[in-house]
Each structure stands twice: as C-alpha cells, then as structure tokens.
Amino acid sequence: MSGRRIRRSAGLLLFRHTDHGPEVLLGHMGGPFFARRDAGAWTVPKGEYEADETAWDAARREFREELGLPPPDGEAVTLGEVTQTNGKVVTAWAIEADLDPAAIVPGTFTMEWPPKSGRHQEFPELDRVEWMTPDRARTLIVAAQSTFLDRLMEHSA
C-alpha cells in the first residue's frame, strides 16, 4: 500500500419536490479552471475533512462554509460514497429542504492566478448554485457524483 493519504470529502445534496417533479441543488465550482465550463463543473456542496472529524460533521460544516447558510434540519438520506477520477472519496447525504439560491453567500479560497505570476486572487468556492431536475443535473455534475442522483431517485421512488 502506498503512503499517499486518501483525500476524503463530504457534502449535503438538497432536494425538493415541485409541481414539475423533483429537483436537486448543485453548485458550480468557482475559480478560473471552471469559469467557462458547465459539464463536469457542478457539484454537491462539499469539502475535504481530516480523520479527526466525522464525515457527517464535515458535510454540515462544509455546507455552511460553501453556502454561507446553516445546513437544513430534516431526515438525512445516506447516499454512500463514490470515488472520483482524481481519487478523492466523496460521502454524501440528501436532505429535503427548500433554499433560495439568492440567499447564498459563498465562502472563498485564495490561489495564485495567473499561474507563476506571484499574484494571489480570491475566488468563490461555488460561483453560483441552482435548482435543477435530476436529468439536467446528470449532464452537468462531476461524473462520479451522478451515482448520488441515482441513489436519491431510488430512495424517492
């Protein structure tokens, strides 16, 4: 076994029922790498955590950090884990809740941009969030995370 640490991330996938069917809340990843991309640039609001924190606690903390709002109360539906192509293991829960995307105050991160310029810029973790149908979400979400949509739809059926 290699000495590389497995990167773990946890998040909350909000869902709601509308007159037009179910919808999920996804966030578009902020920063220059995703600015002009849609497909594969949307994600469950999530973030990394260390071994001294539970995945559930991390999911709730990251929701607050990424969206600037408290995580909703409600029954948490376990969606399990997926492994993304970058090797990161993501754990997610779904919670039925309604949230106004205009109320979001995204957290930020700082990175050197442009590369090797010596300049550091601040970017939003998620530059926008949007309610969308599971079918639309499937075309935009990070590929491995589409499994969360499938598991949620199985649970809701």
N, C-alpha and C. Protein backbone atom coordinates (compact mmCIF):
# COMPACT_ATOMS: atom_id res chain seq x y z
N MET A 1 0.84 -1.19 0.00
CA MET A 1 0.00 0.00 0.00
C MET A 1 0.88 1.24 0.00
N SER A 2 0.54 2.21 -0.79
CA SER A 2 1.35 3.42 -0.87
C SER A 2 1.11 4.28 0.36
N GLY A 3 2.04 5.19 0.61
CA GLY A 3 1.93 6.07 1.76
C GLY A 3 1.04 7.28 1.50
N ARG A 4 0.45 7.35 0.31
CA ARG A 4 -0.40 8.50 0.00
C ARG A 4 -1.69 8.47 0.78
N ARG A 5 -2.02 9.60 1.32
CA ARG A 5 -3.25 9.75 2.09
C ARG A 5 -4.43 9.84 1.13
N ILE A 6 -5.49 9.12 1.45
CA ILE A 6 -6.72 9.21 0.65
C ILE A 6 -7.40 10.51 1.03
N ARG A 7 -7.70 11.32 0.02
CA ARG A 7 -8.43 12.57 0.27
C ARG A 7 -9.91 12.25 0.36
N ARG A 8 -10.52 12.75 1.44
CA ARG A 8 -11.94 12.50 1.67
C ARG A 8 -12.69 13.81 1.71
N SER A 9 -13.90 13.76 1.18
CA SER A 9 -14.75 14.94 1.12
C SER A 9 -16.16 14.50 1.49
N ALA A 10 -16.94 15.42 2.06
CA ALA A 10 -18.31 15.08 2.44
C ALA A 10 -19.23 16.26 2.15
N GLY A 11 -20.48 15.96 1.79
CA GLY A 11 -21.39 17.04 1.46
C GLY A 11 -22.85 16.66 1.61
N LEU A 12 -23.69 17.70 1.44
CA LEU A 12 -25.14 17.55 1.53
C LEU A 12 -25.77 17.90 0.19
N LEU A 13 -26.61 17.02 -0.31
CA LEU A 13 -27.37 17.25 -1.54
C LEU A 13 -28.80 17.57 -1.14
N LEU A 14 -29.21 18.82 -1.34
CA LEU A 14 -30.59 19.19 -1.04
C LEU A 14 -31.48 18.77 -2.20
N PHE A 15 -32.71 18.36 -1.86
CA PHE A 15 -33.69 18.06 -2.89
C PHE A 15 -35.04 18.59 -2.45
N ARG A 16 -35.89 18.83 -3.43
CA ARG A 16 -37.24 19.30 -3.15
C ARG A 16 -38.17 18.73 -4.22
N HIS A 17 -39.46 18.70 -3.87
CA HIS A 17 -40.48 18.24 -4.82
C HIS A 17 -41.22 19.47 -5.33
N THR A 18 -41.36 19.57 -6.64
CA THR A 18 -42.07 20.68 -7.25
C THR A 18 -43.23 20.12 -8.07
N ASP A 19 -44.05 21.03 -8.62
CA ASP A 19 -45.14 20.60 -9.49
C ASP A 19 -44.61 19.91 -10.75
N HIS A 20 -43.35 20.17 -11.08
CA HIS A 20 -42.74 19.60 -12.29
C HIS A 20 -41.87 18.39 -11.98
N GLY A 21 -41.89 17.94 -10.72
CA GLY A 21 -41.08 16.78 -10.33
C GLY A 21 -39.96 17.18 -9.38
N PRO A 22 -39.09 16.22 -9.05
CA PRO A 22 -38.03 16.50 -8.09
C PRO A 22 -36.94 17.41 -8.67
N GLU A 23 -36.29 18.15 -7.79
CA GLU A 23 -35.14 18.98 -8.16
C GLU A 23 -34.06 18.82 -7.10
N VAL A 24 -32.81 19.00 -7.52
CA VAL A 24 -31.66 18.94 -6.62
C VAL A 24 -30.92 20.27 -6.71
N LEU A 25 -30.23 20.61 -5.64
CA LEU A 25 -29.46 21.86 -5.59
C LEU A 25 -27.98 21.53 -5.79
N LEU A 26 -27.42 22.04 -6.88
CA LEU A 26 -26.00 21.84 -7.16
C LEU A 26 -25.29 23.18 -7.20
N GLY A 27 -23.99 23.15 -6.98
CA GLY A 27 -23.17 24.36 -7.06
C GLY A 27 -22.17 24.25 -8.20
N HIS A 28 -21.93 25.38 -8.87
CA HIS A 28 -20.92 25.45 -9.92
C HIS A 28 -19.60 25.84 -9.27
N MET A 29 -18.57 25.03 -9.48
CA MET A 29 -17.29 25.27 -8.83
C MET A 29 -16.69 26.60 -9.28
N GLY A 30 -16.24 27.38 -8.30
CA GLY A 30 -15.67 28.69 -8.58
C GLY A 30 -14.20 28.59 -8.98
N GLY A 31 -13.68 29.71 -9.39
CA GLY A 31 -12.27 29.78 -9.77
C GLY A 31 -12.07 29.69 -11.27
N PRO A 32 -10.87 30.01 -11.70
CA PRO A 32 -10.59 30.13 -13.13
C PRO A 32 -10.65 28.82 -13.92
N PHE A 33 -10.41 27.69 -13.27
CA PHE A 33 -10.41 26.42 -14.01
C PHE A 33 -11.79 26.03 -14.51
N PHE A 34 -12.83 26.50 -13.82
CA PHE A 34 -14.20 26.09 -14.17
C PHE A 34 -15.03 27.23 -14.75
N ALA A 35 -14.44 28.41 -14.88
CA ALA A 35 -15.19 29.61 -15.28
C ALA A 35 -15.96 29.43 -16.58
N ARG A 36 -15.39 28.74 -17.54
CA ARG A 36 -16.03 28.61 -18.86
C ARG A 36 -16.57 27.20 -19.11
N ARG A 37 -16.66 26.40 -18.04
CA ARG A 37 -17.14 25.03 -18.19
C ARG A 37 -18.49 24.87 -17.51
N ASP A 38 -19.32 24.05 -18.06
CA ASP A 38 -20.56 23.67 -17.41
C ASP A 38 -20.55 22.17 -17.12
N ALA A 39 -20.40 21.35 -18.15
CA ALA A 39 -20.39 19.89 -17.95
C ALA A 39 -19.20 19.50 -17.07
N GLY A 40 -19.49 18.79 -16.00
CA GLY A 40 -18.45 18.33 -15.09
C GLY A 40 -17.97 19.39 -14.11
N ALA A 41 -18.58 20.56 -14.12
CA ALA A 41 -18.15 21.65 -13.23
C ALA A 41 -19.16 21.93 -12.11
N TRP A 42 -20.20 21.11 -12.02
CA TRP A 42 -21.21 21.27 -10.97
C TRP A 42 -21.03 20.15 -9.96
N THR A 43 -21.33 20.44 -8.69
CA THR A 43 -21.05 19.51 -7.62
C THR A 43 -22.05 19.61 -6.48
N VAL A 44 -22.12 18.56 -5.71
CA VAL A 44 -22.79 18.60 -4.42
C VAL A 44 -21.96 19.56 -3.56
N PRO A 45 -22.56 20.49 -2.82
CA PRO A 45 -21.77 21.34 -1.92
C PRO A 45 -21.05 20.45 -0.90
N LYS A 46 -19.73 20.47 -0.94
CA LYS A 46 -18.94 19.53 -0.15
C LYS A 46 -17.55 20.09 0.10
N GLY A 47 -16.79 19.40 0.92
CA GLY A 47 -15.42 19.80 1.15
C GLY A 47 -14.64 18.71 1.87
N GLU A 48 -13.33 18.88 1.88
CA GLU A 48 -12.44 17.89 2.47
C GLU A 48 -12.47 17.95 3.99
N TYR A 49 -12.11 16.83 4.58
CA TYR A 49 -12.01 16.74 6.04
C TYR A 49 -10.90 15.78 6.42
N GLU A 50 -10.46 15.91 7.65
CA GLU A 50 -9.38 15.07 8.18
C GLU A 50 -9.96 13.96 9.06
N ALA A 51 -9.10 13.04 9.48
CA ALA A 51 -9.52 11.87 10.27
C ALA A 51 -10.12 12.23 11.62
N ASP A 52 -9.83 13.44 12.13
CA ASP A 52 -10.35 13.80 13.45
C ASP A 52 -11.77 14.37 13.40
N GLU A 53 -12.39 14.33 12.23
CA GLU A 53 -13.76 14.84 12.06
C GLU A 53 -14.58 13.76 11.37
N THR A 54 -15.84 13.60 11.77
CA THR A 54 -16.69 12.61 11.09
C THR A 54 -17.14 13.18 9.74
N ALA A 55 -17.48 12.30 8.83
CA ALA A 55 -17.97 12.74 7.51
C ALA A 55 -19.24 13.57 7.67
N TRP A 56 -20.13 13.17 8.58
CA TRP A 56 -21.39 13.90 8.79
C TRP A 56 -21.11 15.31 9.29
N ASP A 57 -20.23 15.44 10.28
CA ASP A 57 -19.89 16.77 10.79
C ASP A 57 -19.25 17.62 9.69
N ALA A 58 -18.39 17.00 8.91
CA ALA A 58 -17.73 17.73 7.81
C ALA A 58 -18.75 18.19 6.77
N ALA A 59 -19.71 17.33 6.43
CA ALA A 59 -20.73 17.69 5.44
C ALA A 59 -21.51 18.92 5.89
N ARG A 60 -21.87 18.95 7.17
CA ARG A 60 -22.63 20.09 7.71
C ARG A 60 -21.76 21.35 7.79
N ARG A 61 -20.50 21.19 8.19
CA ARG A 61 -19.58 22.34 8.27
C ARG A 61 -19.34 22.91 6.88
N GLU A 62 -19.09 22.04 5.92
CA GLU A 62 -18.80 22.48 4.55
C GLU A 62 -20.01 23.16 3.91
N PHE A 63 -21.21 22.68 4.22
CA PHE A 63 -22.41 23.33 3.70
C PHE A 63 -22.42 24.79 4.14
N ARG A 64 -22.16 25.00 5.44
CA ARG A 64 -22.15 26.36 5.97
C ARG A 64 -21.02 27.18 5.34
N GLU A 65 -19.83 26.59 5.19
CA GLU A 65 -18.69 27.32 4.62
C GLU A 65 -18.91 27.66 3.15
N GLU A 66 -19.44 26.71 2.39
CA GLU A 66 -19.57 26.93 0.95
C GLU A 66 -20.77 27.79 0.58
N LEU A 67 -21.85 27.70 1.35
CA LEU A 67 -23.07 28.43 1.00
C LEU A 67 -23.37 29.60 1.93
N GLY A 68 -22.67 29.68 3.06
CA GLY A 68 -22.89 30.78 3.99
C GLY A 68 -24.23 30.70 4.71
N LEU A 69 -24.83 29.53 4.74
CA LEU A 69 -26.12 29.31 5.39
C LEU A 69 -26.02 28.08 6.28
N PRO A 70 -26.82 28.02 7.34
CA PRO A 70 -26.79 26.82 8.18
C PRO A 70 -27.34 25.63 7.41
N PRO A 71 -26.80 24.44 7.66
CA PRO A 71 -27.35 23.26 6.98
C PRO A 71 -28.78 23.03 7.47
N PRO A 72 -29.66 22.60 6.58
CA PRO A 72 -31.06 22.40 6.99
C PRO A 72 -31.21 21.19 7.90
N ASP A 73 -32.23 21.27 8.73
CA ASP A 73 -32.60 20.12 9.54
C ASP A 73 -33.47 19.22 8.67
N GLY A 74 -33.68 18.03 9.10
CA GLY A 74 -34.53 17.11 8.35
C GLY A 74 -33.88 15.75 8.31
N GLU A 75 -34.64 14.78 7.82
CA GLU A 75 -34.13 13.42 7.71
C GLU A 75 -33.00 13.39 6.68
N ALA A 76 -31.87 12.85 7.10
CA ALA A 76 -30.73 12.72 6.19
C ALA A 76 -30.77 11.34 5.55
N VAL A 77 -30.82 11.32 4.23
CA VAL A 77 -30.81 10.08 3.47
C VAL A 77 -29.36 9.78 3.10
N THR A 78 -28.84 8.65 3.56
CA THR A 78 -27.47 8.28 3.26
C THR A 78 -27.35 7.92 1.78
N LEU A 79 -26.44 8.60 1.09
CA LEU A 79 -26.20 8.32 -0.32
C LEU A 79 -24.90 7.54 -0.53
N GLY A 80 -24.16 7.29 0.55
CA GLY A 80 -22.96 6.47 0.47
C GLY A 80 -21.75 7.23 -0.05
N GLU A 81 -20.83 6.47 -0.61
CA GLU A 81 -19.56 7.03 -1.10
C GLU A 81 -19.41 6.78 -2.59
N VAL A 82 -18.65 7.66 -3.23
CA VAL A 82 -18.18 7.45 -4.60
C VAL A 82 -16.71 7.85 -4.63
N THR A 83 -15.98 7.31 -5.59
CA THR A 83 -14.58 7.71 -5.79
C THR A 83 -14.50 8.43 -7.11
N GLN A 84 -14.06 9.69 -7.07
CA GLN A 84 -13.93 10.50 -8.27
C GLN A 84 -12.65 10.11 -9.02
N THR A 85 -12.54 10.54 -10.27
CA THR A 85 -11.38 10.18 -11.09
C THR A 85 -10.07 10.69 -10.49
N ASN A 86 -10.12 11.75 -9.67
CA ASN A 86 -8.91 12.26 -9.03
C ASN A 86 -8.55 11.46 -7.77
N GLY A 87 -9.31 10.40 -7.48
CA GLY A 87 -9.03 9.54 -6.34
C GLY A 87 -9.71 9.98 -5.05
N LYS A 88 -10.33 11.14 -5.05
CA LYS A 88 -10.99 11.63 -3.84
C LYS A 88 -12.25 10.81 -3.58
N VAL A 89 -12.42 10.39 -2.32
CA VAL A 89 -13.61 9.66 -1.91
C VAL A 89 -14.60 10.66 -1.34
N VAL A 90 -15.80 10.70 -1.93
CA VAL A 90 -16.83 11.65 -1.52
C VAL A 90 -17.99 10.90 -0.88
N THR A 91 -18.40 11.35 0.30
CA THR A 91 -19.55 10.81 1.02
C THR A 91 -20.63 11.88 1.01
N ALA A 92 -21.88 11.47 0.78
CA ALA A 92 -22.96 12.47 0.73
C ALA A 92 -24.23 11.96 1.39
N TRP A 93 -25.00 12.94 1.83
CA TRP A 93 -26.35 12.71 2.35
C TRP A 93 -27.28 13.64 1.61
N ALA A 94 -28.53 13.21 1.47
CA ALA A 94 -29.55 14.07 0.87
C ALA A 94 -30.51 14.50 1.97
N ILE A 95 -30.93 15.75 1.90
CA ILE A 95 -31.91 16.29 2.85
C ILE A 95 -32.96 17.06 2.05
N GLU A 96 -34.22 16.78 2.33
CA GLU A 96 -35.30 17.50 1.67
C GLU A 96 -35.43 18.88 2.32
N ALA A 97 -35.26 19.91 1.53
CA ALA A 97 -35.32 21.29 2.03
C ALA A 97 -35.45 22.23 0.84
N ASP A 98 -35.99 23.40 1.10
CA ASP A 98 -36.06 24.42 0.06
C ASP A 98 -35.11 25.54 0.46
N LEU A 99 -34.45 26.10 -0.48
CA LEU A 99 -33.46 27.13 -0.21
C LEU A 99 -33.46 28.09 -1.39
N ASP A 100 -33.40 29.37 -1.12
CA ASP A 100 -33.36 30.37 -2.18
C ASP A 100 -31.91 30.60 -2.59
N PRO A 101 -31.54 30.24 -3.83
CA PRO A 101 -30.15 30.44 -4.26
C PRO A 101 -29.66 31.87 -4.09
N ALA A 102 -30.56 32.85 -4.11
CA ALA A 102 -30.16 34.25 -3.95
C ALA A 102 -29.68 34.54 -2.52
N ALA A 103 -30.01 33.67 -1.57
CA ALA A 103 -29.62 33.88 -0.17
C ALA A 103 -28.20 33.41 0.11
N ILE A 104 -27.59 32.74 -0.83
CA ILE A 104 -26.27 32.15 -0.61
C ILE A 104 -25.18 33.21 -0.60
N VAL A 105 -24.28 33.08 0.38
CA VAL A 105 -23.10 33.94 0.48
C VAL A 105 -21.90 32.99 0.46
N PRO A 106 -21.35 32.73 -0.74
CA PRO A 106 -20.34 31.68 -0.85
C PRO A 106 -19.05 32.00 -0.10
N GLY A 107 -18.46 30.93 0.44
CA GLY A 107 -17.13 31.03 1.01
C GLY A 107 -16.13 31.24 -0.13
N THR A 108 -14.92 31.62 0.21
CA THR A 108 -13.90 31.90 -0.81
C THR A 108 -12.62 31.12 -0.54
N PHE A 109 -11.79 31.05 -1.57
CA PHE A 109 -10.45 30.49 -1.43
C PHE A 109 -9.50 31.39 -2.20
N THR A 110 -8.23 31.32 -1.85
CA THR A 110 -7.21 32.14 -2.49
C THR A 110 -6.23 31.23 -3.22
N MET A 111 -5.86 31.63 -4.42
CA MET A 111 -4.86 30.87 -5.18
C MET A 111 -4.03 31.83 -6.03
N GLU A 112 -2.86 31.36 -6.41
CA GLU A 112 -2.02 32.16 -7.30
C GLU A 112 -2.64 32.13 -8.69
N TRP A 113 -2.93 33.32 -9.21
CA TRP A 113 -3.53 33.41 -10.54
C TRP A 113 -3.17 34.73 -11.17
N PRO A 114 -2.71 34.74 -12.41
CA PRO A 114 -2.37 33.58 -13.24
C PRO A 114 -1.20 32.78 -12.64
N PRO A 115 -1.07 31.52 -13.07
CA PRO A 115 -0.01 30.67 -12.54
C PRO A 115 1.37 31.33 -12.69
N LYS A 116 2.18 31.17 -11.67
CA LYS A 116 3.57 31.66 -11.64
C LYS A 116 3.67 33.18 -11.75
N SER A 117 2.56 33.88 -11.49
CA SER A 117 2.56 35.34 -11.59
C SER A 117 2.98 36.00 -10.28
N GLY A 118 2.92 35.22 -9.18
CA GLY A 118 3.20 35.80 -7.88
C GLY A 118 2.01 36.56 -7.31
N ARG A 119 0.93 36.67 -8.09
CA ARG A 119 -0.28 37.37 -7.64
C ARG A 119 -1.26 36.35 -7.09
N HIS A 120 -1.88 36.69 -5.98
CA HIS A 120 -2.90 35.81 -5.40
C HIS A 120 -4.25 36.49 -5.50
N GLN A 121 -5.23 35.71 -5.93
CA GLN A 121 -6.59 36.24 -6.07
C GLN A 121 -7.55 35.37 -5.27
N GLU A 122 -8.64 35.99 -4.87
CA GLU A 122 -9.68 35.29 -4.12
C GLU A 122 -10.82 34.93 -5.08
N PHE A 123 -11.33 33.73 -4.94
CA PHE A 123 -12.42 33.23 -5.77
C PHE A 123 -13.48 32.59 -4.87
N PRO A 124 -14.75 32.60 -5.31
CA PRO A 124 -15.78 31.91 -4.53
C PRO A 124 -15.62 30.40 -4.67
N GLU A 125 -15.90 29.67 -3.57
CA GLU A 125 -15.86 28.20 -3.63
C GLU A 125 -16.86 27.71 -4.69
N LEU A 126 -18.07 28.27 -4.63
CA LEU A 126 -19.12 27.99 -5.62
C LEU A 126 -19.55 29.35 -6.17
N ASP A 127 -19.45 29.54 -7.49
CA ASP A 127 -19.78 30.87 -8.01
C ASP A 127 -21.27 31.04 -8.29
N ARG A 128 -22.01 29.93 -8.29
CA ARG A 128 -23.47 30.01 -8.36
C ARG A 128 -24.05 28.65 -7.96
N VAL A 129 -25.28 28.68 -7.51
CA VAL A 129 -25.99 27.45 -7.19
C VAL A 129 -27.34 27.51 -7.89
N GLU A 130 -27.86 26.34 -8.17
CA GLU A 130 -29.08 26.30 -8.96
C GLU A 130 -29.86 25.02 -8.67
N TRP A 131 -31.19 25.16 -8.62
CA TRP A 131 -32.07 24.00 -8.57
C TRP A 131 -32.20 23.47 -9.98
N MET A 132 -32.14 22.16 -10.13
CA MET A 132 -32.29 21.57 -11.47
C MET A 132 -32.88 20.17 -11.35
N THR A 133 -33.48 19.73 -12.45
CA THR A 133 -34.04 18.38 -12.49
C THR A 133 -32.88 17.37 -12.42
N PRO A 134 -33.14 16.18 -11.94
CA PRO A 134 -32.08 15.16 -11.93
C PRO A 134 -31.52 14.89 -13.32
N ASP A 135 -32.36 14.93 -14.35
CA ASP A 135 -31.86 14.68 -15.72
C ASP A 135 -30.86 15.76 -16.15
N ARG A 136 -31.19 17.02 -15.88
CA ARG A 136 -30.25 18.10 -16.22
C ARG A 136 -28.99 18.00 -15.36
N ALA A 137 -29.19 17.72 -14.07
CA ALA A 137 -28.05 17.61 -13.15
C ALA A 137 -27.07 16.54 -13.64
N ARG A 138 -27.60 15.43 -14.15
CA ARG A 138 -26.75 14.34 -14.62
C ARG A 138 -25.82 14.78 -15.74
N THR A 139 -26.24 15.76 -16.55
CA THR A 139 -25.40 16.22 -17.67
C THR A 139 -24.33 17.22 -17.21
N LEU A 140 -24.45 17.74 -15.99
CA LEU A 140 -23.55 18.80 -15.52
C LEU A 140 -22.66 18.40 -14.35
N ILE A 141 -23.11 17.46 -13.54
CA ILE A 141 -22.41 17.12 -12.30
C ILE A 141 -21.10 16.38 -12.59
N VAL A 142 -20.14 16.49 -11.66
CA VAL A 142 -18.91 15.70 -11.72
C VAL A 142 -19.34 14.24 -11.92
N ALA A 143 -18.76 13.57 -12.91
CA ALA A 143 -19.25 12.26 -13.35
C ALA A 143 -19.53 11.27 -12.22
N ALA A 144 -18.60 11.07 -11.32
CA ALA A 144 -18.78 10.07 -10.26
C ALA A 144 -19.96 10.43 -9.35
N GLN A 145 -20.24 11.72 -9.20
CA GLN A 145 -21.31 12.13 -8.30
C GLN A 145 -22.70 11.85 -8.86
N SER A 146 -22.82 11.51 -10.14
CA SER A 146 -24.13 11.17 -10.71
C SER A 146 -24.71 9.95 -9.98
N THR A 147 -23.85 9.13 -9.40
CA THR A 147 -24.32 7.99 -8.61
C THR A 147 -25.18 8.46 -7.45
N PHE A 148 -24.85 9.62 -6.85
CA PHE A 148 -25.68 10.16 -5.77
C PHE A 148 -27.08 10.47 -6.27
N LEU A 149 -27.19 10.99 -7.49
CA LEU A 149 -28.51 11.29 -8.06
C LEU A 149 -29.31 9.99 -8.23
N ASP A 150 -28.64 8.95 -8.74
CA ASP A 150 -29.32 7.66 -8.93
C ASP A 150 -29.82 7.12 -7.59
N ARG A 151 -28.97 7.18 -6.57
CA ARG A 151 -29.35 6.66 -5.25
C ARG A 151 -30.50 7.47 -4.65
N LEU A 152 -30.48 8.77 -4.85
CA LEU A 152 -31.56 9.62 -4.34
C LEU A 152 -32.87 9.28 -5.04
N MET A 153 -32.84 9.11 -6.36
CA MET A 153 -34.06 8.80 -7.11
C MET A 153 -34.60 7.42 -6.70
N GLU A 154 -33.72 6.45 -6.41
CA GLU A 154 -34.16 5.15 -5.94
C GLU A 154 -34.87 5.30 -4.59
N HIS A 155 -34.30 6.12 -3.72
CA HIS A 155 -34.87 6.34 -2.39
C HIS A 155 -36.24 7.02 -2.48
N SER A 156 -36.35 7.97 -3.41
CA SER A 156 -37.58 8.77 -3.53
C SER A 156 -38.68 8.05 -4.27
N ALA A 157 -38.33 6.97 -4.96
CA ALA A 157 -39.32 6.27 -5.80
C ALA A 157 -40.37 5.58 -4.98
